[in-house]
């Protein structure tokens, strides 16, 4: 199943699942530049989870410091993820990211 359409458009950009994940990841990296404590508040840590900070179950993938490898990971995700999403479809790719 080949699908080139995204979930919605922002200007001329089709926002697919891969684009959304890469943009959120890039925003997380930029937030870590503004405040070095951002990754601390997003990271998964069971002791904080048990004290009621349940957002950590969802935000842990975005708890990263900016660096060459973090940027390279986002570029590779965009490049290969976009191709995979074209081949599998937007719903299947969203399920892959959610899993």
PDB file of N, CA and C in Angstrom:
ATOM      1  N   UNK A   1       0.848  -1.173   0.000  1.00  0.00           N
ATOM      2  CA  UNK A   1       0.000   0.000   0.000  1.00  0.00           C
ATOM      3  C   UNK A   1       0.891   1.233   0.000  1.00  0.00           C
ATOM      4  N   UNK A   2       0.809   2.036  -1.018  1.00  0.00           N
ATOM      5  CA  UNK A   2       1.637   3.215  -1.154  1.00  0.00           C
ATOM      6  C   UNK A   2       0.794   4.436  -0.871  1.00  0.00           C
ATOM      7  N   UNK A   3       1.276   5.272   0.058  1.00  0.00           N
ATOM      8  CA  UNK A   3       0.526   6.466   0.410  1.00  0.00           C
ATOM      9  C   UNK A   3       1.480   7.634   0.552  1.00  0.00           C
ATOM     10  N   UNK A   4       1.247   8.696  -0.196  1.00  0.00           N
ATOM     11  CA  UNK A   4       2.110   9.873  -0.126  1.00  0.00           C
ATOM     12  C   UNK A   4       1.467  10.993   0.665  1.00  0.00           C
ATOM     13  N   UNK A   5       0.235  10.804   1.075  1.00  0.00           N
ATOM     14  CA  UNK A   5      -0.432  11.893   1.779  1.00  0.00           C
ATOM     15  C   UNK A   5      -0.220  11.775   3.278  1.00  0.00           C
ATOM     16  N   UNK A   6      -0.134  12.922   3.924  1.00  0.00           N
ATOM     17  CA  UNK A   6       0.076  12.956   5.361  1.00  0.00           C
ATOM     18  C   UNK A   6      -1.232  13.084   6.111  1.00  0.00           C
ATOM     19  N   UNK A   7      -1.100  13.352   7.392  1.00  0.00           N
ATOM     20  CA  UNK A   7      -2.281  13.519   8.237  1.00  0.00           C
ATOM     21  C   UNK A   7      -2.932  14.869   7.990  1.00  0.00           C
ATOM     22  N   UNK A   8      -2.096  15.897   7.785  1.00  0.00           N
ATOM     23  CA  UNK A   8      -2.585  17.239   7.480  1.00  0.00           C
ATOM     24  C   UNK A   8      -1.444  18.021   6.841  1.00  0.00           C
ATOM     25  N   UNK A   9      -1.757  19.231   6.379  1.00  0.00           N
ATOM     26  CA  UNK A   9      -0.751  20.074   5.750  1.00  0.00           C
ATOM     27  C   UNK A   9      -0.520  21.319   6.595  1.00  0.00           C
ATOM     28  N   UNK A  10       0.741  21.753   6.657  1.00  0.00           N
ATOM     29  CA  UNK A  10       1.106  23.034   7.239  1.00  0.00           C
ATOM     30  C   UNK A  10       1.798  23.792   6.119  1.00  0.00           C
ATOM     31  N   UNK A  11       1.065  24.705   5.519  1.00  0.00           N
ATOM     32  CA  UNK A  11       1.585  25.376   4.326  1.00  0.00           C
ATOM     33  C   UNK A  11       1.695  24.377   3.196  1.00  0.00           C
ATOM     34  N   UNK A  12       2.907  24.209   2.666  1.00  0.00           N
ATOM     35  CA  UNK A  12       3.119  23.258   1.576  1.00  0.00           C
ATOM     36  C   UNK A  12       3.669  21.929   2.078  1.00  0.00           C
ATOM     37  N   UNK A  13       3.817  21.779   3.390  1.00  0.00           N
ATOM     38  CA  UNK A  13       4.434  20.577   3.956  1.00  0.00           C
ATOM     39  C   UNK A  13       3.360  19.592   4.405  1.00  0.00           C
ATOM     40  N   UNK A  14       3.443  18.379   3.871  1.00  0.00           N
ATOM     41  CA  UNK A  14       2.572  17.292   4.318  1.00  0.00           C
ATOM     42  C   UNK A  14       3.127  16.756   5.641  1.00  0.00           C
ATOM     43  N   UNK A  15       2.347  16.816   6.690  1.00  0.00           N
ATOM     44  CA  UNK A  15       2.794  16.336   7.994  1.00  0.00           C
ATOM     45  C   UNK A  15       2.408  14.866   8.127  1.00  0.00           C
ATOM     46  N   UNK A  16       3.406  14.015   7.999  1.00  0.00           N
ATOM     47  CA  UNK A  16       3.219  12.578   8.165  1.00  0.00           C
ATOM     48  C   UNK A  16       3.622  12.206   9.585  1.00  0.00           C
ATOM     49  N   UNK A  17       3.479  10.959   9.937  1.00  0.00           N
ATOM     50  CA  UNK A  17       3.886  10.498  11.268  1.00  0.00           C
ATOM     51  C   UNK A  17       5.375  10.724  11.481  1.00  0.00           C
ATOM     52  N   UNK A  18       6.170  10.439  10.469  1.00  0.00           N
ATOM     53  CA  UNK A  18       7.619  10.602  10.571  1.00  0.00           C
ATOM     54  C   UNK A  18       7.989  12.065  10.743  1.00  0.00           C
ATOM     55  N   UNK A  19       7.381  12.937   9.970  1.00  0.00           N
ATOM     56  CA  UNK A  19       7.665  14.372  10.095  1.00  0.00           C
ATOM     57  C   UNK A  19       7.295  14.857  11.485  1.00  0.00           C
ATOM     58  N   UNK A  20       6.169  14.414  12.014  1.00  0.00           N
ATOM     59  CA  UNK A  20       5.746  14.833  13.346  1.00  0.00           C
ATOM     60  C   UNK A  20       6.737  14.369  14.418  1.00  0.00           C
ATOM     61  N   UNK A  21       7.197  13.135  14.333  1.00  0.00           N
ATOM     62  CA  UNK A  21       8.153  12.619  15.320  1.00  0.00           C
ATOM     63  C   UNK A  21       9.476  13.367  15.224  1.00  0.00           C
ATOM     64  N   UNK A  22       9.942  13.640  14.019  1.00  0.00           N
ATOM     65  CA  UNK A  22      11.204  14.363  13.844  1.00  0.00           C
ATOM     66  C   UNK A  22      11.082  15.805  14.358  1.00  0.00           C
ATOM     67  N   UNK A  23       9.964  16.459  14.086  1.00  0.00           N
ATOM     68  CA  UNK A  23       9.774  17.837  14.554  1.00  0.00           C
ATOM     69  C   UNK A  23       9.727  17.878  16.081  1.00  0.00           C
ATOM     70  N   UNK A  24       9.011  16.960  16.697  1.00  0.00           N
ATOM     71  CA  UNK A  24       8.954  16.926  18.161  1.00  0.00           C
ATOM     72  C   UNK A  24      10.337  16.623  18.741  1.00  0.00           C
ATOM     73  N   UNK A  25      11.073  15.721  18.117  1.00  0.00           N
ATOM     74  CA  UNK A  25      12.433  15.431  18.565  1.00  0.00           C
ATOM     75  C   UNK A  25      13.344  16.637  18.438  1.00  0.00           C
ATOM     76  N   UNK A  26      13.230  17.362  17.324  1.00  0.00           N
ATOM     77  CA  UNK A  26      14.046  18.565  17.127  1.00  0.00           C
ATOM     78  C   UNK A  26      13.674  19.640  18.136  1.00  0.00           C
ATOM     79  N   UNK A  27      12.392  19.774  18.430  1.00  0.00           N
ATOM     80  CA  UNK A  27      11.978  20.740  19.454  1.00  0.00           C
ATOM     81  C   UNK A  27      12.529  20.362  20.828  1.00  0.00           C
ATOM     82  N   UNK A  28      12.589  19.074  21.115  1.00  0.00           N
ATOM     83  CA  UNK A  28      13.181  18.612  22.363  1.00  0.00           C
ATOM     84  C   UNK A  28      14.658  18.950  22.447  1.00  0.00           C
ATOM     85  N   UNK A  29      15.368  18.788  21.328  1.00  0.00           N
ATOM     86  CA  UNK A  29      16.789  19.141  21.295  1.00  0.00           C
ATOM     87  C   UNK A  29      16.983  20.640  21.484  1.00  0.00           C
ATOM     88  N   UNK A  30      16.156  21.423  20.809  1.00  0.00           N
ATOM     89  CA  UNK A  30      16.258  22.874  20.964  1.00  0.00           C
ATOM     90  C   UNK A  30      15.899  23.320  22.383  1.00  0.00           C
ATOM     91  N   UNK A  31      14.935  22.656  22.983  1.00  0.00           N
ATOM     92  CA  UNK A  31      14.570  22.991  24.361  1.00  0.00           C
ATOM     93  C   UNK A  31      15.720  22.694  25.320  1.00  0.00           C
ATOM     94  N   UNK A  32      16.491  21.654  25.029  1.00  0.00           N
ATOM     95  CA  UNK A  32      17.638  21.334  25.892  1.00  0.00           C
ATOM     96  C   UNK A  32      18.742  22.374  25.769  1.00  0.00           C
ATOM     97  N   UNK A  33      18.776  23.091  24.651  1.00  0.00           N
ATOM     98  CA  UNK A  33      19.741  24.182  24.498  1.00  0.00           C
ATOM     99  C   UNK A  33      19.315  25.367  25.357  1.00  0.00           C
ATOM    100  N   UNK A  34      18.021  25.663  25.350  1.00  0.00           N
ATOM    101  CA  UNK A  34      17.501  26.793  26.117  1.00  0.00           C
ATOM    102  C   UNK A  34      17.637  26.535  27.613  1.00  0.00           C
ATOM    103  N   UNK A  35      17.295  25.332  28.035  1.00  0.00           N
ATOM    104  CA  UNK A  35      17.373  24.984  29.450  1.00  0.00           C
ATOM    105  C   UNK A  35      17.953  23.574  29.573  1.00  0.00           C
ATOM    106  N   UNK A  36      19.061  23.466  30.257  1.00  0.00           N
ATOM    107  CA  UNK A  36      19.727  22.161  30.363  1.00  0.00           C
ATOM    108  C   UNK A  36      18.974  21.189  31.267  1.00  0.00           C
ATOM    109  N   UNK A  37      17.940  21.636  31.956  1.00  0.00           N
ATOM    110  CA  UNK A  37      17.169  20.743  32.829  1.00  0.00           C
ATOM    111  C   UNK A  37      16.002  20.067  32.111  1.00  0.00           C
ATOM    112  N   UNK A  38      15.734  20.458  30.863  1.00  0.00           N
ATOM    113  CA  UNK A  38      14.610  19.860  30.128  1.00  0.00           C
ATOM    114  C   UNK A  38      14.738  18.345  30.027  1.00  0.00           C
ATOM    115  N   UNK A  39      15.898  17.791  29.624  1.00  0.00           N
ATOM    116  CA  UNK A  39      15.995  16.330  29.566  1.00  0.00           C
ATOM    117  C   UNK A  39      15.748  15.665  30.921  1.00  0.00           C
ATOM    118  N   UNK A  40      16.123  16.326  31.999  1.00  0.00           N
ATOM    119  CA  UNK A  40      15.874  15.784  33.337  1.00  0.00           C
ATOM    120  C   UNK A  40      14.377  15.643  33.596  1.00  0.00           C
ATOM    121  N   UNK A  41      13.584  16.609  33.153  1.00  0.00           N
ATOM    122  CA  UNK A  41      12.135  16.577  33.394  1.00  0.00           C
ATOM    123  C   UNK A  41      11.391  15.649  32.446  1.00  0.00           C
ATOM    124  N   UNK A  42      12.019  15.263  31.352  1.00  0.00           N
ATOM    125  CA  UNK A  42      11.363  14.386  30.382  1.00  0.00           C
ATOM    126  C   UNK A  42      11.770  12.926  30.514  1.00  0.00           C
ATOM    127  N   UNK A  43      12.925  12.667  31.091  1.00  0.00           N
ATOM    128  CA  UNK A  43      13.490  11.315  31.135  1.00  0.00           C
ATOM    129  C   UNK A  43      12.645  10.367  31.979  1.00  0.00           C
ATOM    130  N   UNK A  44      12.691   9.105  31.587  1.00  0.00           N
ATOM    131  CA  UNK A  44      11.989   8.070  32.338  1.00  0.00           C
ATOM    132  C   UNK A  44      12.804   7.703  33.571  1.00  0.00           C
ATOM    133  N   UNK A  45      12.182   7.830  34.725  1.00  0.00           N
ATOM    134  CA  UNK A  45      12.818   7.463  35.990  1.00  0.00           C
ATOM    135  C   UNK A  45      11.725   6.902  36.903  1.00  0.00           C
ATOM    136  N   UNK A  46      11.780   5.595  37.209  1.00  0.00           N
ATOM    137  CA  UNK A  46      10.707   4.971  37.986  1.00  0.00           C
ATOM    138  C   UNK A  46      10.427   5.652  39.321  1.00  0.00           C
ATOM    139  N   UNK A  47      11.458   6.140  39.997  1.00  0.00           N
ATOM    140  CA  UNK A  47      11.218   6.757  41.301  1.00  0.00           C
ATOM    141  C   UNK A  47      10.337   8.004  41.168  1.00  0.00           C
ATOM    142  N   UNK A  48      10.468   8.740  40.072  1.00  0.00           N
ATOM    143  CA  UNK A  48       9.609   9.907  39.869  1.00  0.00           C
ATOM    144  C   UNK A  48       8.246   9.496  39.331  1.00  0.00           C
ATOM    145  N   UNK A  49       8.207   8.439  38.570  1.00  0.00           N
ATOM    146  CA  UNK A  49       6.948   7.926  38.043  1.00  0.00           C
ATOM    147  C   UNK A  49       6.027   7.512  39.182  1.00  0.00           C
ATOM    148  N   UNK A  50       6.585   6.845  40.166  1.00  0.00           N
ATOM    149  CA  UNK A  50       5.792   6.401  41.304  1.00  0.00           C
ATOM    150  C   UNK A  50       5.337   7.559  42.187  1.00  0.00           C
ATOM    151  N   UNK A  51       5.983   8.719  42.043  1.00  0.00           N
ATOM    152  CA  UNK A  51       5.556   9.873  42.827  1.00  0.00           C
ATOM    153  C   UNK A  51       4.556  10.740  42.061  1.00  0.00           C
ATOM    154  N   UNK A  52       4.052  10.256  40.926  1.00  0.00           N
ATOM    155  CA  UNK A  52       2.975  10.934  40.222  1.00  0.00           C
ATOM    156  C   UNK A  52       3.360  11.630  38.929  1.00  0.00           C
ATOM    157  N   UNK A  53       4.608  11.570  38.512  1.00  0.00           N
ATOM    158  CA  UNK A  53       5.037  12.236  37.281  1.00  0.00           C
ATOM    159  C   UNK A  53       4.845  11.287  36.089  1.00  0.00           C
ATOM    160  N   UNK A  54       3.577  11.025  35.759  1.00  0.00           N
ATOM    161  CA  UNK A  54       3.233  10.021  34.755  1.00  0.00           C
ATOM    162  C   UNK A  54       3.565  10.443  33.326  1.00  0.00           C
ATOM    163  N   UNK A  55       3.807  11.727  33.078  1.00  0.00           N
ATOM    164  CA  UNK A  55       4.172  12.163  31.732  1.00  0.00           C
ATOM    165  C   UNK A  55       5.469  11.512  31.261  1.00  0.00           C
ATOM    166  N   UNK A  56       6.273  11.048  32.187  1.00  0.00           N
ATOM    167  CA  UNK A  56       7.555  10.437  31.839  1.00  0.00           C
ATOM    168  C   UNK A  56       7.379   9.150  31.022  1.00  0.00           C
ATOM    169  N   UNK A  57       6.215   8.533  31.094  1.00  0.00           N
ATOM    170  CA  UNK A  57       5.934   7.348  30.285  1.00  0.00           C
ATOM    171  C   UNK A  57       5.901   7.686  28.799  1.00  0.00           C
ATOM    172  N   UNK A  58       5.549   8.912  28.459  1.00  0.00           N
ATOM    173  CA  UNK A  58       5.396   9.330  27.075  1.00  0.00           C
ATOM    174  C   UNK A  58       6.575  10.177  26.589  1.00  0.00           C
ATOM    175  N   UNK A  59       7.180  10.950  27.471  1.00  0.00           N
ATOM    176  CA  UNK A  59       8.176  11.929  27.042  1.00  0.00           C
ATOM    177  C   UNK A  59       9.610  11.413  27.015  1.00  0.00           C
ATOM    178  N   UNK A  60       9.866  10.206  27.479  1.00  0.00           N
ATOM    179  CA  UNK A  60      11.245   9.719  27.564  1.00  0.00           C
ATOM    180  C   UNK A  60      11.990   9.695  26.228  1.00  0.00           C
ATOM    181  N   UNK A  61      11.330   9.453  25.067  1.00  0.00           N
ATOM    182  CA  UNK A  61      12.116   9.459  23.824  1.00  0.00           C
ATOM    183  C   UNK A  61      12.681  10.838  23.468  1.00  0.00           C
ATOM    184  N   UNK A  62      12.119  11.886  24.047  1.00  0.00           N
ATOM    185  CA  UNK A  62      12.526  13.242  23.704  1.00  0.00           C
ATOM    186  C   UNK A  62      13.503  13.841  24.708  1.00  0.00           C
ATOM    187  N   UNK A  63      13.939  13.058  25.671  1.00  0.00           N
ATOM    188  CA  UNK A  63      14.883  13.531  26.687  1.00  0.00           C
ATOM    189  C   UNK A  63      16.297  13.287  26.187  1.00  0.00           C
ATOM    190  N   UNK A  64      16.810  14.236  25.446  1.00  0.00           N
ATOM    191  CA  UNK A  64      18.129  14.070  24.852  1.00  0.00           C
ATOM    192  C   UNK A  64      18.846  15.406  24.836  1.00  0.00           C
ATOM    193  N   UNK A  65      20.137  15.365  25.012  1.00  0.00           N
ATOM    194  CA  UNK A  65      20.964  16.563  24.893  1.00  0.00           C
ATOM    195  C   UNK A  65      21.317  16.757  23.422  1.00  0.00           C
ATOM    196  N   UNK A  66      21.493  17.994  23.026  1.00  0.00           N
ATOM    197  CA  UNK A  66      21.853  18.254  21.636  1.00  0.00           C
ATOM    198  C   UNK A  66      23.291  17.820  21.394  1.00  0.00           C
ATOM    199  N   UNK A  67      23.489  17.220  20.270  1.00  0.00           N
ATOM    200  CA  UNK A  67      24.814  16.732  19.890  1.00  0.00           C
ATOM    201  C   UNK A  67      24.772  16.214  18.472  1.00  0.00           C
ATOM    202  N   UNK A  68      25.933  15.854  17.978  1.00  0.00           N
ATOM    203  CA  UNK A  68      26.030  15.376  16.607  1.00  0.00           C
ATOM    204  C   UNK A  68      25.211  14.100  16.404  1.00  0.00           C
ATOM    205  N   UNK A  69      25.272  13.172  17.349  1.00  0.00           N
ATOM    206  CA  UNK A  69      24.570  11.893  17.191  1.00  0.00           C
ATOM    207  C   UNK A  69      23.066  12.061  17.301  1.00  0.00           C
ATOM    208  N   UNK A  70      22.616  12.959  18.154  1.00  0.00           N
ATOM    209  CA  UNK A  70      21.178  13.219  18.259  1.00  0.00           C
ATOM    210  C   UNK A  70      20.644  13.802  16.957  1.00  0.00           C
ATOM    211  N   UNK A  71      21.371  14.757  16.389  1.00  0.00           N
ATOM    212  CA  UNK A  71      20.959  15.348  15.115  1.00  0.00           C
ATOM    213  C   UNK A  71      21.006  14.306  14.000  1.00  0.00           C
ATOM    214  N   UNK A  72      22.045  13.486  13.986  1.00  0.00           N
ATOM    215  CA  UNK A  72      22.153  12.440  12.966  1.00  0.00           C
ATOM    216  C   UNK A  72      21.013  11.430  13.091  1.00  0.00           C
ATOM    217  N   UNK A  73      20.631  11.096  14.303  1.00  0.00           N
ATOM    218  CA  UNK A  73      19.492  10.189  14.505  1.00  0.00           C
ATOM    219  C   UNK A  73      18.220  10.759  13.899  1.00  0.00           C
ATOM    220  N   UNK A  74      17.980  12.053  14.090  1.00  0.00           N
ATOM    221  CA  UNK A  74      16.779  12.670  13.529  1.00  0.00           C
ATOM    222  C   UNK A  74      16.824  12.699  12.007  1.00  0.00           C
ATOM    223  N   UNK A  75      17.995  12.988  11.436  1.00  0.00           N
ATOM    224  CA  UNK A  75      18.130  12.999   9.980  1.00  0.00           C
ATOM    225  C   UNK A  75      17.883  11.605   9.413  1.00  0.00           C
ATOM    226  N   UNK A  76      18.465  10.584  10.034  1.00  0.00           N
ATOM    227  CA  UNK A  76      18.283   9.210   9.555  1.00  0.00           C
ATOM    228  C   UNK A  76      16.823   8.762   9.722  1.00  0.00           C
ATOM    229  N   UNK A  77      16.195   9.140  10.833  1.00  0.00           N
ATOM    230  CA  UNK A  77      14.785   8.812  11.031  1.00  0.00           C
ATOM    231  C   UNK A  77      13.936   9.455   9.958  1.00  0.00           C
ATOM    232  N   UNK A  78      14.207  10.721   9.659  1.00  0.00           N
ATOM    233  CA  UNK A  78      13.440  11.400   8.619  1.00  0.00           C
ATOM    234  C   UNK A  78      13.650  10.725   7.267  1.00  0.00           C
ATOM    235  N   UNK A  79      14.892  10.439   6.922  1.00  0.00           N
ATOM    236  CA  UNK A  79      15.199   9.869   5.610  1.00  0.00           C
ATOM    237  C   UNK A  79      14.593   8.480   5.445  1.00  0.00           C
ATOM    238  N   UNK A  80      14.920   7.573   6.355  1.00  0.00           N
ATOM    239  CA  UNK A  80      14.449   6.194   6.220  1.00  0.00           C
ATOM    240  C   UNK A  80      13.001   6.027   6.672  1.00  0.00           C
ATOM    241  N   UNK A  81      12.593   6.780   7.685  1.00  0.00           N
ATOM    242  CA  UNK A  81      11.215   6.703   8.156  1.00  0.00           C
ATOM    243  C   UNK A  81      10.224   7.177   7.108  1.00  0.00           C
ATOM    244  N   UNK A  82      10.597   8.235   6.379  1.00  0.00           N
ATOM    245  CA  UNK A  82       9.708   8.735   5.319  1.00  0.00           C
ATOM    246  C   UNK A  82       9.526   7.698   4.218  1.00  0.00           C
ATOM    247  N   UNK A  83      10.611   7.042   3.858  1.00  0.00           N
ATOM    248  CA  UNK A  83      10.519   6.010   2.820  1.00  0.00           C
ATOM    249  C   UNK A  83       9.679   4.820   3.299  1.00  0.00           C
ATOM    250  N   UNK A  84       9.912   4.402   4.519  1.00  0.00           N
ATOM    251  CA  UNK A  84       9.133   3.302   5.064  1.00  0.00           C
ATOM    252  C   UNK A  84       7.662   3.661   5.173  1.00  0.00           C
ATOM    253  N   UNK A  85       7.388   4.902   5.556  1.00  0.00           N
ATOM    254  CA  UNK A  85       5.997   5.337   5.658  1.00  0.00           C
ATOM    255  C   UNK A  85       5.326   5.386   4.294  1.00  0.00           C
ATOM    256  N   UNK A  86       6.055   5.751   3.257  1.00  0.00           N
ATOM    257  CA  UNK A  86       5.493   5.730   1.897  1.00  0.00           C
ATOM    258  C   UNK A  86       5.097   4.314   1.496  1.00  0.00           C
ATOM    259  N   UNK A  87       5.872   3.334   1.945  1.00  0.00           N
ATOM    260  CA  UNK A  87       5.611   1.953   1.559  1.00  0.00           C
ATOM    261  C   UNK A  87       4.537   1.290   2.418  1.00  0.00           C
ATOM    262  N   UNK A  88       4.484   1.625   3.701  1.00  0.00           N
ATOM    263  CA  UNK A  88       3.552   0.934   4.597  1.00  0.00           C
ATOM    264  C   UNK A  88       2.246   1.680   4.818  1.00  0.00           C
ATOM    265  N   UNK A  89       2.264   3.002   4.676  1.00  0.00           N
ATOM    266  CA  UNK A  89       1.067   3.790   4.912  1.00  0.00           C
ATOM    267  C   UNK A  89       1.137   4.530   6.237  1.00  0.00           C
ATOM    268  N   UNK A  90       0.360   5.592   6.328  1.00  0.00           N
ATOM    269  CA  UNK A  90       0.463   6.465   7.495  1.00  0.00           C
ATOM    270  C   UNK A  90      -0.093   5.825   8.775  1.00  0.00           C
ATOM    271  N   UNK A  91      -1.137   5.053   8.663  1.00  0.00           N
ATOM    272  CA  UNK A  91      -1.705   4.417   9.865  1.00  0.00           C
ATOM    273  C   UNK A  91      -0.745   3.371  10.451  1.00  0.00           C
ATOM    274  N   UNK A  92      -0.175   2.568   9.589  1.00  0.00           N
ATOM    275  CA  UNK A  92       0.757   1.527  10.041  1.00  0.00           C
ATOM    276  C   UNK A  92       1.990   2.162  10.660  1.00  0.00           C
ATOM    277  N   UNK A  93       2.491   3.249  10.074  1.00  0.00           N
ATOM    278  CA  UNK A  93       3.682   3.910  10.615  1.00  0.00           C
ATOM    279  C   UNK A  93       3.373   4.547  11.953  1.00  0.00           C
ATOM    280  N   UNK A  94       2.199   5.117  12.109  1.00  0.00           N
ATOM    281  CA  UNK A  94       1.809   5.690  13.403  1.00  0.00           C
ATOM    282  C   UNK A  94       1.772   4.596  14.468  1.00  0.00           C
ATOM    283  N   UNK A  95       1.299   3.425  14.104  1.00  0.00           N
ATOM    284  CA  UNK A  95       1.291   2.294  15.053  1.00  0.00           C
ATOM    285  C   UNK A  95       2.703   1.852  15.405  1.00  0.00           C
ATOM    286  N   UNK A  96       3.596   1.884  14.431  1.00  0.00           N
ATOM    287  CA  UNK A  96       4.993   1.522  14.689  1.00  0.00           C
ATOM    288  C   UNK A  96       5.598   2.503  15.676  1.00  0.00           C
ATOM    289  N   UNK A  97       5.381   3.805  15.467  1.00  0.00           N
ATOM    290  CA  UNK A  97       5.932   4.804  16.386  1.00  0.00           C
ATOM    291  C   UNK A  97       5.295   4.699  17.762  1.00  0.00           C
ATOM    292  N   UNK A  98       4.012   4.427  17.822  1.00  0.00           N
ATOM    293  CA  UNK A  98       3.329   4.311  19.116  1.00  0.00           C
ATOM    294  C   UNK A  98       3.819   3.080  19.889  1.00  0.00           C
ATOM    295  N   UNK A  99       4.170   2.036  19.137  1.00  0.00           N
ATOM    296  CA  UNK A  99       4.644   0.810  19.781  1.00  0.00           C
ATOM    297  C   UNK A  99       6.022   0.940  20.294  1.00  0.00           C
TER     298      UNK A  99
END
